[in-house]
Each structure stands twice: as structure tokens, then as C-alpha cells.
Amino acid sequence: MTTVSIALCTYNGERYLKAQLASLIEQSHRPDEVVICDDDSSDTTLGVLQTFADTAPFKVRLFRNHKNLGYVKNFEKAVSLCQGDVIFMCDQDDVWHPQKIEQCLAAFDAEPSVGLVLHYFNWVGADGSPYPGPVDVYGTERVDAQALPEVFRKSSIEVFITPYPRAWCGCMMAFRSQFVGLIVPIFPGKGHDDWILKLLGPITEVRFLTERLVNYRIHGQNVNGRDVTRRTMGYRWKRFLYKSKRALRGHSKRGFYKHLLMRLQHAGVVSIYPRLVQIYRSHTKLF
């Protein structure tokens, strides 16, 4: 039977944490372990986590960083400590739907060649009510949300260069633990979710589930919520399209993709490496 690890990272998350933890307990398929890395919280987060660890109906391994690592390195640590066959990444302020683990596992078990599973989500506000977020504007000439599952099914290699918006974050993906050695260390200055997606997309089968399996909470303290609450959606969408056209021109983007190529080459992924270089070079001219 496929074993499941959840990598949960926290930092001063007392306000929403209990709801997230409760949704893990309510899963129709419970995890085999939850690995929690707290990034030196100064509020009551650790107390909430300790109570959860003492009462949860599954194994909980709780670690505290005595120095703040930042959310990317904290997730890197949590993922590295996981022992299950499939790893789910978990934020501290969302709510998982009860069938999230069950449905993602079904995709892995149905096709052993699948190494990465993504799914849709609902945007919700700080109070949990529906939020008119960016998911409602997917459907331009560059991004067709309904076509995403077929894109991934036909050619996972396209994930390497396609500048999709943040239609998914780390909490909306699960991957096989066999790839941890390839993923870690995570490229500095880039989100762990984008790194994992772009790294695994070309080398393993990817499945995109259309079910909305997470309520992704938008508020002023989380990473994406800061952007959403500061700007109107129209501005954000125009900004995204502008950045997409320049996705591979900037120095930071080039560095990101070059590191991806080097990591894949170092890992011995030689069969597709020439094709990735070709795609990389062609798309630096297209955008």
C-alpha cells in the first residue's frame, strides 16, 4: 500500500492553523505521517501543534527551527524529513477537502508512471467565504484552465517552459518521494512549488485533477495573499500577461532555467536533455 507523508510548514500561524489541522484529521484517507517544521514562531503556534501531535490519530513528527529559515528552506527541510511514498505539501492556513488525499492517491495508483499530481482549488477570503480570485479569470488565449489536464496528459515536457499563472501552489500538488533527491536543494530566490513543477514536469507523467480539493485562503499574511489584497484583479492580470511575455528574458529567469537544466543533467536525465535545451533556447526568442 502506498504510504503518505504530509509536509506542513508553519510560522506564526495561530489564527488559521486549527482549521487546517482539523481538515487533515477529517481526510477519508488519512496520512501515515505528518511532518511539521515550525520556523521559529513567536505566537501560540507551537502550542497548537503540540496539542495536535498529542491527539492526532496518525503519526506526527514536530520540528522547531531555532533560527528562521524562510518558507522555501523550511519546506525543503520538511520534504527532506518525509518517509512516505507520496508527499503532500501543506500550508498552515488553508482547508483541505475530505477527499483530497484519496483522490490524489487514486491518480498515482491508477498509473505507476505518474510522478506528480496537481488539482484545482477554491479561493476563499480570511473568513472562509468565497473570494473572487484569479481562478475566475483563467481562460485567455495564453491560459485555458479547462485545457490544462489535457496539456499535461499529452506533453508533460511543456510544463518546463509554459508561463502559466499560479493556478496551483505547493498545497495543490503531491509527488512521489523518489524525486526528493532531485528536488533538494531548491533553487534560491524561487518558490518551492514552481521549482518542483518545472523540475518534475519534463521527467515524469503529470496528472491534473479538475476537482477543487483545497480551500486556498487569501489574507494579508500569506505569500500570495499579500499580492491579491493589495491590487485589483484587473491590474494583477495585466501584470501577469506582461511578465509572461518576458518570462525567460530577465536574468533571474535565465538563472532559474539554467539551474533546472543543470540539475536535470546532473541527475542523469540525458534522454530528454537535448530536447529541453532546444525548447529553452526557442522560447527565449518567442516571449
C-alpha atoms as a PDB file:
ATOM      1  CA  MET A   1       0.000   0.000   0.000  1.00  0.00           C
ATOM      2  CA  THR A   2       1.218   3.478  -0.896  1.00  0.00           C
ATOM      3  CA  THR A   3       2.226   5.405   2.204  1.00  0.00           C
ATOM      4  CA  VAL A   4       1.516   9.110   2.578  1.00  0.00           C
ATOM      5  CA  SER A   5       3.518  11.902   4.182  1.00  0.00           C
ATOM      6  CA  ILE A   6       2.322  15.467   4.643  1.00  0.00           C
ATOM      7  CA  ALA A   7       4.986  18.181   4.832  1.00  0.00           C
ATOM      8  CA  LEU A   8       3.458  21.047   6.831  1.00  0.00           C
ATOM      9  CA  CYS A   9       5.326  24.293   7.423  1.00  0.00           C
ATOM     10  CA  THR A  10       4.264  26.888   9.962  1.00  0.00           C
ATOM     11  CA  TYR A  11       5.234  30.350  11.118  1.00  0.00           C
ATOM     12  CA  ASN A  12       3.076  32.462  13.445  1.00  0.00           C
ATOM     13  CA  GLY A  13       0.005  30.719  12.095  1.00  0.00           C
ATOM     14  CA  GLU A  14      -2.198  30.602  15.180  1.00  0.00           C
ATOM     15  CA  ARG A  15      -5.172  32.349  13.536  1.00  0.00           C
ATOM     16  CA  TYR A  16      -5.973  29.736  10.880  1.00  0.00           C
ATOM     17  CA  LEU A  17      -3.913  26.710  11.873  1.00  0.00           C
ATOM     18  CA  LYS A  18      -6.575  24.791  13.798  1.00  0.00           C
ATOM     19  CA  ALA A  19      -8.889  24.691  10.780  1.00  0.00           C
ATOM     20  CA  GLN A  20      -6.096  23.322   8.595  1.00  0.00           C
ATOM     21  CA  LEU A  21      -5.161  20.657  11.138  1.00  0.00           C
ATOM     22  CA  ALA A  22      -8.796  19.622  11.581  1.00  0.00           C
ATOM     23  CA  SER A  23      -9.100  19.105   7.825  1.00  0.00           C
ATOM     24  CA  LEU A  24      -6.158  16.692   7.921  1.00  0.00           C
ATOM     25  CA  ILE A  25      -7.863  14.589  10.575  1.00  0.00           C
ATOM     26  CA  GLU A  26     -11.077  14.578   8.524  1.00  0.00           C
ATOM     27  CA  GLN A  27      -9.444  13.059   5.444  1.00  0.00           C
ATOM     28  CA  SER A  28     -11.222   9.994   4.063  1.00  0.00           C
ATOM     29  CA  HIS A  29      -7.740   8.500   3.562  1.00  0.00           C
ATOM     30  CA  ARG A  30      -5.593   9.565   6.463  1.00  0.00           C
ATOM     31  CA  PRO A  31      -1.865  10.127   6.116  1.00  0.00           C
ATOM     32  CA  ASP A  32       0.709   7.784   7.576  1.00  0.00           C
ATOM     33  CA  GLU A  33       2.621  10.727   8.982  1.00  0.00           C
ATOM     34  CA  VAL A  34       2.575  14.490   9.188  1.00  0.00           C
ATOM     35  CA  VAL A  35       5.980  16.146   9.306  1.00  0.00           C
ATOM     36  CA  ILE A  36       5.748  19.657  10.738  1.00  0.00           C
ATOM     37  CA  CYS A  37       8.567  22.194  10.616  1.00  0.00           C
ATOM     38  CA  ASP A  38       7.895  25.373  12.558  1.00  0.00           C
ATOM     39  CA  ASP A  39      10.036  28.317  11.517  1.00  0.00           C
ATOM     40  CA  ASP A  40      10.666  29.773  14.996  1.00  0.00           C
ATOM     41  CA  SER A  41       7.149  31.082  15.671  1.00  0.00           C
ATOM     42  CA  SER A  42       6.701  33.689  18.384  1.00  0.00           C
ATOM     43  CA  ASP A  43       2.938  33.264  18.906  1.00  0.00           C
ATOM     44  CA  THR A  44       0.960  30.243  20.165  1.00  0.00           C
ATOM     45  CA  THR A  45       1.553  28.171  17.033  1.00  0.00           C
ATOM     46  CA  LEU A  46       3.826  25.671  18.796  1.00  0.00           C
ATOM     47  CA  GLY A  47       1.247  25.035  21.496  1.00  0.00           C
ATOM     48  CA  VAL A  48      -1.419  24.333  18.868  1.00  0.00           C
ATOM     49  CA  LEU A  49       0.957  21.997  17.077  1.00  0.00           C
ATOM     50  CA  GLN A  50       1.916  20.126  20.234  1.00  0.00           C
ATOM     51  CA  THR A  51      -1.738  19.507  21.086  1.00  0.00           C
ATOM     52  CA  PHE A  52      -2.288  18.234  17.562  1.00  0.00           C
ATOM     53  CA  ALA A  53       0.749  15.955  17.799  1.00  0.00           C
ATOM     54  CA  ASP A  54      -0.507  14.511  21.095  1.00  0.00           C
ATOM     55  CA  THR A  55      -4.043  13.815  19.884  1.00  0.00           C
ATOM     56  CA  ALA A  56      -3.891  13.120  16.134  1.00  0.00           C
ATOM     57  CA  PRO A  57      -4.918   9.610  15.001  1.00  0.00           C
ATOM     58  CA  PHE A  58      -1.723   9.266  12.969  1.00  0.00           C
ATOM     59  CA  LYS A  59       1.983   9.830  13.467  1.00  0.00           C
ATOM     60  CA  VAL A  60       3.070  13.454  13.842  1.00  0.00           C
ATOM     61  CA  ARG A  61       6.738  14.482  13.835  1.00  0.00           C
ATOM     62  CA  LEU A  62       7.227  18.032  15.052  1.00  0.00           C
ATOM     63  CA  PHE A  63      10.420  20.009  14.485  1.00  0.00           C
ATOM     64  CA  ARG A  64      11.217  23.574  15.512  1.00  0.00           C
ATOM     65  CA  ASN A  65      13.796  25.719  13.788  1.00  0.00           C
ATOM     66  CA  HIS A  66      15.754  27.759  16.306  1.00  0.00           C
ATOM     67  CA  LYS A  67      16.558  30.195  13.519  1.00  0.00           C
ATOM     68  CA  ASN A  68      14.093  31.403  10.908  1.00  0.00           C
ATOM     69  CA  LEU A  69      14.853  29.741   7.567  1.00  0.00           C
ATOM     70  CA  GLY A  70      12.188  31.361   5.399  1.00  0.00           C
ATOM     71  CA  TYR A  71       9.308  29.453   3.867  1.00  0.00           C
ATOM     72  CA  VAL A  72      11.222  27.936   0.923  1.00  0.00           C
ATOM     73  CA  LYS A  73      14.033  26.457   3.011  1.00  0.00           C
ATOM     74  CA  ASN A  74      11.537  25.391   5.647  1.00  0.00           C
ATOM     75  CA  PHE A  75       9.612  23.388   3.056  1.00  0.00           C
ATOM     76  CA  GLU A  76      12.892  21.986   1.790  1.00  0.00           C
ATOM     77  CA  LYS A  77      13.608  20.725   5.289  1.00  0.00           C
ATOM     78  CA  ALA A  78      10.122  19.291   5.789  1.00  0.00           C
ATOM     79  CA  VAL A  79      10.150  17.464   2.458  1.00  0.00           C
ATOM     80  CA  SER A  80      13.585  16.014   3.231  1.00  0.00           C
ATOM     81  CA  LEU A  81      12.300  14.566   6.506  1.00  0.00           C
ATOM     82  CA  CYS A  82       9.280  12.799   4.983  1.00  0.00           C
ATOM     83  CA  GLN A  83       9.349   8.993   4.855  1.00  0.00           C
ATOM     84  CA  GLY A  84       6.220   8.154   2.852  1.00  0.00           C
ATOM     85  CA  ASP A  85       5.954   7.031  -0.770  1.00  0.00           C
ATOM     86  CA  VAL A  86       3.946  10.119  -1.753  1.00  0.00           C
ATOM     87  CA  ILE A  87       4.477  13.588  -0.288  1.00  0.00           C
ATOM     88  CA  PHE A  88       1.791  16.244   0.027  1.00  0.00           C
ATOM     89  CA  MET A  89       2.858  19.792   0.858  1.00  0.00           C
ATOM     90  CA  CYS A  90       0.610  21.674   3.231  1.00  0.00           C
ATOM     91  CA  ASP A  91       0.274  25.344   4.156  1.00  0.00           C
ATOM     92  CA  GLN A  92      -0.807  26.462   7.619  1.00  0.00           C
ATOM     93  CA  ASP A  93      -3.869  28.489   6.665  1.00  0.00           C
ATOM     94  CA  ASP A  94      -5.910  26.500   4.144  1.00  0.00           C
ATOM     95  CA  VAL A  95      -8.585  23.821   4.477  1.00  0.00           C
ATOM     96  CA  TRP A  96      -8.318  20.504   2.659  1.00  0.00           C
ATOM     97  CA  HIS A  97     -11.443  18.880   1.291  1.00  0.00           C
ATOM     98  CA  PRO A  98     -12.030  15.442   2.859  1.00  0.00           C
ATOM     99  CA  GLN A  99     -11.262  13.514  -0.352  1.00  0.00           C
ATOM    100  CA  LYS A 100      -8.038  15.326  -1.261  1.00  0.00           C
ATOM    101  CA  ILE A 101      -5.601  12.567  -0.301  1.00  0.00           C
ATOM    102  CA  GLU A 102      -7.915   9.809  -1.522  1.00  0.00           C
ATOM    103  CA  GLN A 103      -8.380  11.306  -4.984  1.00  0.00           C
ATOM    104  CA  CYS A 104      -4.726  12.184  -5.475  1.00  0.00           C
ATOM    105  CA  LEU A 105      -3.644   8.715  -4.408  1.00  0.00           C
ATOM    106  CA  ALA A 106      -6.108   7.188  -6.850  1.00  0.00           C
ATOM    107  CA  ALA A 107      -4.312   9.022  -9.665  1.00  0.00           C
ATOM    108  CA  PHE A 108      -0.940   7.684  -8.517  1.00  0.00           C
ATOM    109  CA  ASP A 109      -2.192   4.132  -8.041  1.00  0.00           C
ATOM    110  CA  ALA A 110      -4.009   4.048 -11.380  1.00  0.00           C
ATOM    111  CA  GLU A 111      -0.834   4.867 -13.291  1.00  0.00           C
ATOM    112  CA  PRO A 112       2.507   3.954 -11.692  1.00  0.00           C
ATOM    113  CA  SER A 113       4.264   6.168 -14.251  1.00  0.00           C
ATOM    114  CA  VAL A 114       2.630   9.271 -12.751  1.00  0.00           C
ATOM    115  CA  GLY A 115       5.063  11.110 -10.507  1.00  0.00           C
ATOM    116  CA  LEU A 116       3.267  14.409  -9.916  1.00  0.00           C
ATOM    117  CA  VAL A 117      -0.414  15.146  -9.327  1.00  0.00           C
ATOM    118  CA  LEU A 118      -1.956  18.631  -9.356  1.00  0.00           C
ATOM    119  CA  HIS A 119      -5.526  19.719  -8.710  1.00  0.00           C
ATOM    120  CA  TYR A 120      -7.842  22.710  -8.757  1.00  0.00           C
ATOM    121  CA  PHE A 121      -8.786  24.752  -5.706  1.00  0.00           C
ATOM    122  CA  ASN A 122     -11.224  27.332  -4.383  1.00  0.00           C
ATOM    123  CA  TRP A 123     -10.143  30.834  -3.418  1.00  0.00           C
ATOM    124  CA  VAL A 124     -11.617  31.855  -0.084  1.00  0.00           C
ATOM    125  CA  GLY A 125     -11.251  35.002   1.991  1.00  0.00           C
ATOM    126  CA  ALA A 126      -9.892  35.312   5.505  1.00  0.00           C
ATOM    127  CA  ASP A 127     -13.277  34.301   6.931  1.00  0.00           C
ATOM    128  CA  GLY A 128     -13.575  31.267   4.653  1.00  0.00           C
ATOM    129  CA  SER A 129     -16.196  32.784   2.347  1.00  0.00           C
ATOM    130  CA  PRO A 130     -15.778  32.582  -1.468  1.00  0.00           C
ATOM    131  CA  TYR A 131     -13.223  35.032  -2.825  1.00  0.00           C
ATOM    132  CA  PRO A 132     -13.404  36.348  -6.437  1.00  0.00           C
ATOM    133  CA  GLY A 133      -9.815  35.469  -7.062  1.00  0.00           C
ATOM    134  CA  PRO A 134      -7.581  34.942 -10.105  1.00  0.00           C
ATOM    135  CA  VAL A 135      -9.020  31.487 -10.761  1.00  0.00           C
ATOM    136  CA  ASP A 136     -12.094  33.243 -12.194  1.00  0.00           C
ATOM    137  CA  VAL A 137     -10.117  34.931 -14.925  1.00  0.00           C
ATOM    138  CA  TYR A 138      -8.240  31.909 -16.308  1.00  0.00           C
ATOM    139  CA  GLY A 139      -9.328  31.418 -19.883  1.00  0.00           C
ATOM    140  CA  THR A 140      -7.363  33.837 -22.030  1.00  0.00           C
ATOM    141  CA  GLU A 141      -5.507  32.920 -25.188  1.00  0.00           C
ATOM    142  CA  ARG A 142      -2.483  32.069 -23.052  1.00  0.00           C
ATOM    143  CA  VAL A 143      -4.218  30.172 -20.288  1.00  0.00           C
ATOM    144  CA  ASP A 144      -7.195  27.909 -20.804  1.00  0.00           C
ATOM    145  CA  ALA A 145      -7.964  26.334 -17.436  1.00  0.00           C
ATOM    146  CA  GLN A 146     -10.183  23.633 -18.939  1.00  0.00           C
ATOM    147  CA  ALA A 147      -7.383  22.571 -21.281  1.00  0.00           C
ATOM    148  CA  LEU A 148      -4.756  22.163 -18.572  1.00  0.00           C
ATOM    149  CA  PRO A 149      -5.485  18.477 -17.801  1.00  0.00           C
ATOM    150  CA  GLU A 150      -5.122  17.588 -21.474  1.00  0.00           C
ATOM    151  CA  VAL A 151      -1.949  19.651 -21.838  1.00  0.00           C
ATOM    152  CA  PHE A 152      -0.315  17.753 -19.013  1.00  0.00           C
ATOM    153  CA  ARG A 153      -1.555  14.403 -20.290  1.00  0.00           C
ATOM    154  CA  LYS A 154      -0.251  14.987 -23.795  1.00  0.00           C
ATOM    155  CA  SER A 155       3.115  16.523 -23.051  1.00  0.00           C
ATOM    156  CA  SER A 156       4.425  16.993 -19.550  1.00  0.00           C
ATOM    157  CA  ILE A 157       7.566  18.467 -21.053  1.00  0.00           C
ATOM    158  CA  GLU A 158       5.598  21.634 -21.867  1.00  0.00           C
ATOM    159  CA  VAL A 159       5.445  22.392 -18.149  1.00  0.00           C
ATOM    160  CA  PHE A 160       9.127  23.248 -18.347  1.00  0.00           C
ATOM    161  CA  ILE A 161       8.570  26.466 -20.259  1.00  0.00           C
ATOM    162  CA  THR A 162       4.866  27.310 -20.108  1.00  0.00           C
ATOM    163  CA  PRO A 163       4.351  30.522 -18.094  1.00  0.00           C
ATOM    164  CA  TYR A 164       1.054  29.542 -16.501  1.00  0.00           C
ATOM    165  CA  PRO A 165      -0.060  31.730 -13.616  1.00  0.00           C
ATOM    166  CA  ARG A 166      -0.175  30.339 -10.119  1.00  0.00           C
ATOM    167  CA  ALA A 167      -3.053  28.001 -10.913  1.00  0.00           C
ATOM    168  CA  TRP A 168      -1.519  25.801  -8.254  1.00  0.00           C
ATOM    169  CA  CYS A 169       0.760  26.241  -5.302  1.00  0.00           C
ATOM    170  CA  GLY A 170       2.596  23.654  -3.257  1.00  0.00           C
ATOM    171  CA  CYS A 171      -0.558  22.811  -1.318  1.00  0.00           C
ATOM    172  CA  MET A 172      -2.196  21.768  -4.593  1.00  0.00           C
ATOM    173  CA  MET A 173       0.380  19.181  -5.588  1.00  0.00           C
ATOM    174  CA  ALA A 174       1.670  15.791  -4.490  1.00  0.00           C
ATOM    175  CA  PHE A 175       4.704  13.919  -5.775  1.00  0.00           C
ATOM    176  CA  ARG A 176       6.486  10.609  -5.299  1.00  0.00           C
ATOM    177  CA  SER A 177       9.256  10.693  -2.728  1.00  0.00           C
ATOM    178  CA  GLN A 178      11.707   9.113  -5.160  1.00  0.00           C
ATOM    179  CA  PHE A 179      12.215  12.626  -6.547  1.00  0.00           C
ATOM    180  CA  VAL A 180      13.269  14.271  -3.283  1.00  0.00           C
ATOM    181  CA  GLY A 181      16.947  13.806  -4.097  1.00  0.00           C
ATOM    182  CA  LEU A 182      16.414  15.689  -7.340  1.00  0.00           C
ATOM    183  CA  ILE A 183      14.311  18.463  -5.825  1.00  0.00           C
ATOM    184  CA  VAL A 184      16.606  19.287  -2.904  1.00  0.00           C
ATOM    185  CA  PRO A 185      18.238  21.762  -2.607  1.00  0.00           C
ATOM    186  CA  ILE A 186      15.676  24.181  -4.003  1.00  0.00           C
ATOM    187  CA  PHE A 187      16.903  26.997  -6.224  1.00  0.00           C
ATOM    188  CA  PRO A 188      17.282  30.123  -4.032  1.00  0.00           C
ATOM    189  CA  GLY A 189      15.030  33.053  -4.668  1.00  0.00           C
ATOM    190  CA  LYS A 190      12.330  30.972  -6.303  1.00  0.00           C
ATOM    191  CA  GLY A 191       9.187  29.441  -4.852  1.00  0.00           C
ATOM    192  CA  HIS A 192       9.446  25.763  -3.947  1.00  0.00           C
ATOM    193  CA  ASP A 193       6.214  24.989  -5.799  1.00  0.00           C
ATOM    194  CA  ASP A 194       7.346  26.447  -9.133  1.00  0.00           C
ATOM    195  CA  TRP A 195      10.716  24.717  -8.782  1.00  0.00           C
ATOM    196  CA  ILE A 196       9.105  21.317  -8.195  1.00  0.00           C
ATOM    197  CA  LEU A 197       6.620  21.741 -11.026  1.00  0.00           C
ATOM    198  CA  LYS A 198       9.197  22.835 -13.595  1.00  0.00           C
ATOM    199  CA  LEU A 199      11.718  20.223 -12.453  1.00  0.00           C
ATOM    200  CA  LEU A 200       9.421  17.193 -12.418  1.00  0.00           C
ATOM    201  CA  GLY A 201       7.208  18.171 -15.341  1.00  0.00           C
ATOM    202  CA  PRO A 202       9.702  17.158 -18.050  1.00  0.00           C
ATOM    203  CA  ILE A 203      10.798  13.864 -16.488  1.00  0.00           C
ATOM    204  CA  THR A 204       7.651  12.210 -15.166  1.00  0.00           C
ATOM    205  CA  GLU A 205       3.990  11.845 -16.033  1.00  0.00           C
ATOM    206  CA  VAL A 206       1.830  14.629 -14.588  1.00  0.00           C
ATOM    207  CA  ARG A 207      -1.885  14.419 -13.909  1.00  0.00           C
ATOM    208  CA  PHE A 208      -4.125  17.425 -13.323  1.00  0.00           C
ATOM    209  CA  LEU A 209      -7.350  16.736 -11.428  1.00  0.00           C
ATOM    210  CA  THR A 210     -10.244  19.075 -12.121  1.00  0.00           C
ATOM    211  CA  GLU A 211     -11.699  18.572  -8.634  1.00  0.00           C
ATOM    212  CA  ARG A 212     -11.283  21.533  -6.279  1.00  0.00           C
ATOM    213  CA  LEU A 213      -9.650  19.858  -3.302  1.00  0.00           C
ATOM    214  CA  VAL A 214      -8.353  22.791  -1.242  1.00  0.00           C
ATOM    215  CA  ASN A 215      -9.877  25.997   0.033  1.00  0.00           C
ATOM    216  CA  TYR A 216      -6.955  28.337  -0.529  1.00  0.00           C
ATOM    217  CA  ARG A 217      -7.249  31.192   1.927  1.00  0.00           C
ATOM    218  CA  ILE A 218      -6.349  34.728   0.868  1.00  0.00           C
ATOM    219  CA  HIS A 219      -5.378  37.149   3.623  1.00  0.00           C
ATOM    220  CA  GLY A 220      -2.780  39.793   4.301  1.00  0.00           C
ATOM    221  CA  GLN A 221      -0.223  37.495   5.905  1.00  0.00           C
ATOM    222  CA  ASN A 222       0.254  34.665   3.408  1.00  0.00           C
ATOM    223  CA  VAL A 223       2.660  34.875   0.468  1.00  0.00           C
ATOM    224  CA  ASN A 224       0.137  35.100  -2.376  1.00  0.00           C
ATOM    225  CA  GLY A 225      -2.471  36.849  -0.301  1.00  0.00           C
ATOM    226  CA  ARG A 226      -0.292  39.917   0.082  1.00  0.00           C
ATOM    227  CA  ASP A 227      -0.353  40.440  -3.673  1.00  0.00           C
ATOM    228  CA  VAL A 228      -4.052  39.730  -4.096  1.00  0.00           C
ATOM    229  CA  THR A 229      -5.239  42.007  -1.327  1.00  0.00           C
ATOM    230  CA  ARG A 230      -3.026  44.895  -2.420  1.00  0.00           C
ATOM    231  CA  ARG A 231      -4.112  45.070  -6.038  1.00  0.00           C
ATOM    232  CA  THR A 232      -7.245  44.869  -8.124  1.00  0.00           C
ATOM    233  CA  MET A 233      -7.636  41.699 -10.160  1.00  0.00           C
ATOM    234  CA  GLY A 234      -7.527  43.645 -13.412  1.00  0.00           C
ATOM    235  CA  TYR A 235      -4.136  45.069 -12.532  1.00  0.00           C
ATOM    236  CA  ARG A 236      -2.829  41.677 -11.442  1.00  0.00           C
ATOM    237  CA  TRP A 237      -3.952  40.046 -14.656  1.00  0.00           C
ATOM    238  CA  LYS A 238      -2.365  42.728 -16.871  1.00  0.00           C
ATOM    239  CA  ARG A 239       0.805  42.441 -14.837  1.00  0.00           C
ATOM    240  CA  PHE A 240       0.828  38.674 -15.254  1.00  0.00           C
ATOM    241  CA  LEU A 241       0.434  38.873 -19.048  1.00  0.00           C
ATOM    242  CA  TYR A 242       3.248  41.422 -19.209  1.00  0.00           C
ATOM    243  CA  LYS A 243       5.532  39.270 -17.098  1.00  0.00           C
ATOM    244  CA  SER A 244       4.622  36.149 -19.085  1.00  0.00           C
ATOM    245  CA  LYS A 245       5.821  37.710 -22.325  1.00  0.00           C
ATOM    246  CA  ARG A 246       9.146  38.451 -20.675  1.00  0.00           C
ATOM    247  CA  ALA A 247       9.253  35.193 -18.733  1.00  0.00           C
ATOM    248  CA  LEU A 248      12.621  33.985 -19.974  1.00  0.00           C
ATOM    249  CA  ARG A 249      14.307  37.281 -20.859  1.00  0.00           C
ATOM    250  CA  GLY A 250      15.265  38.504 -17.422  1.00  0.00           C
ATOM    251  CA  HIS A 251      18.471  37.475 -15.719  1.00  0.00           C
ATOM    252  CA  SER A 252      16.676  35.808 -12.803  1.00  0.00           C
ATOM    253  CA  LYS A 253      14.515  33.730 -15.124  1.00  0.00           C
ATOM    254  CA  ARG A 254      17.508  32.649 -17.161  1.00  0.00           C
ATOM    255  CA  GLY A 255      19.309  31.672 -13.990  1.00  0.00           C
ATOM    256  CA  PHE A 256      16.303  29.693 -12.819  1.00  0.00           C
ATOM    257  CA  TYR A 257      16.013  27.715 -16.040  1.00  0.00           C
ATOM    258  CA  LYS A 258      19.744  27.179 -16.345  1.00  0.00           C
ATOM    259  CA  HIS A 259      19.746  25.719 -12.846  1.00  0.00           C
ATOM    260  CA  LEU A 260      16.882  23.447 -13.841  1.00  0.00           C
ATOM    261  CA  LEU A 261      18.854  22.213 -16.825  1.00  0.00           C
ATOM    262  CA  MET A 262      21.992  21.684 -14.766  1.00  0.00           C
ATOM    263  CA  ARG A 263      20.055  19.788 -12.093  1.00  0.00           C
ATOM    264  CA  LEU A 264      18.484  17.504 -14.678  1.00  0.00           C
ATOM    265  CA  GLN A 265      21.813  16.946 -16.388  1.00  0.00           C
ATOM    266  CA  HIS A 266      23.498  16.159 -13.066  1.00  0.00           C
ATOM    267  CA  ALA A 267      20.717  13.691 -12.274  1.00  0.00           C
ATOM    268  CA  GLY A 268      21.469  11.820 -15.478  1.00  0.00           C
ATOM    269  CA  VAL A 269      18.272  12.724 -17.303  1.00  0.00           C
ATOM    270  CA  VAL A 270      20.119  12.546 -20.610  1.00  0.00           C
ATOM    271  CA  SER A 271      17.409  11.234 -22.921  1.00  0.00           C
ATOM    272  CA  ILE A 272      15.360  14.430 -22.844  1.00  0.00           C
ATOM    273  CA  TYR A 273      18.110  16.917 -22.035  1.00  0.00           C
ATOM    274  CA  PRO A 274      18.825  17.938 -25.670  1.00  0.00           C
ATOM    275  CA  ARG A 275      15.100  18.498 -26.209  1.00  0.00           C
ATOM    276  CA  LEU A 276      14.893  20.705 -23.101  1.00  0.00           C
ATOM    277  CA  VAL A 277      17.830  22.801 -24.265  1.00  0.00           C
ATOM    278  CA  GLN A 278      16.158  23.203 -27.647  1.00  0.00           C
ATOM    279  CA  ILE A 279      12.862  24.272 -26.028  1.00  0.00           C
ATOM    280  CA  TYR A 280      14.641  26.640 -23.679  1.00  0.00           C
ATOM    281  CA  ARG A 281      16.503  28.364 -26.491  1.00  0.00           C
ATOM    282  CA  SER A 282      13.469  28.625 -28.758  1.00  0.00           C
ATOM    283  CA  HIS A 283      11.248  30.106 -26.054  1.00  0.00           C
ATOM    284  CA  THR A 284      13.753  32.734 -25.041  1.00  0.00           C
ATOM    285  CA  LYS A 285      13.137  34.156 -28.516  1.00  0.00           C
ATOM    286  CA  LEU A 286       9.373  33.691 -28.520  1.00  0.00           C
ATOM    287  CA  PHE A 287       8.495  35.642 -25.383  1.00  0.00           C
END
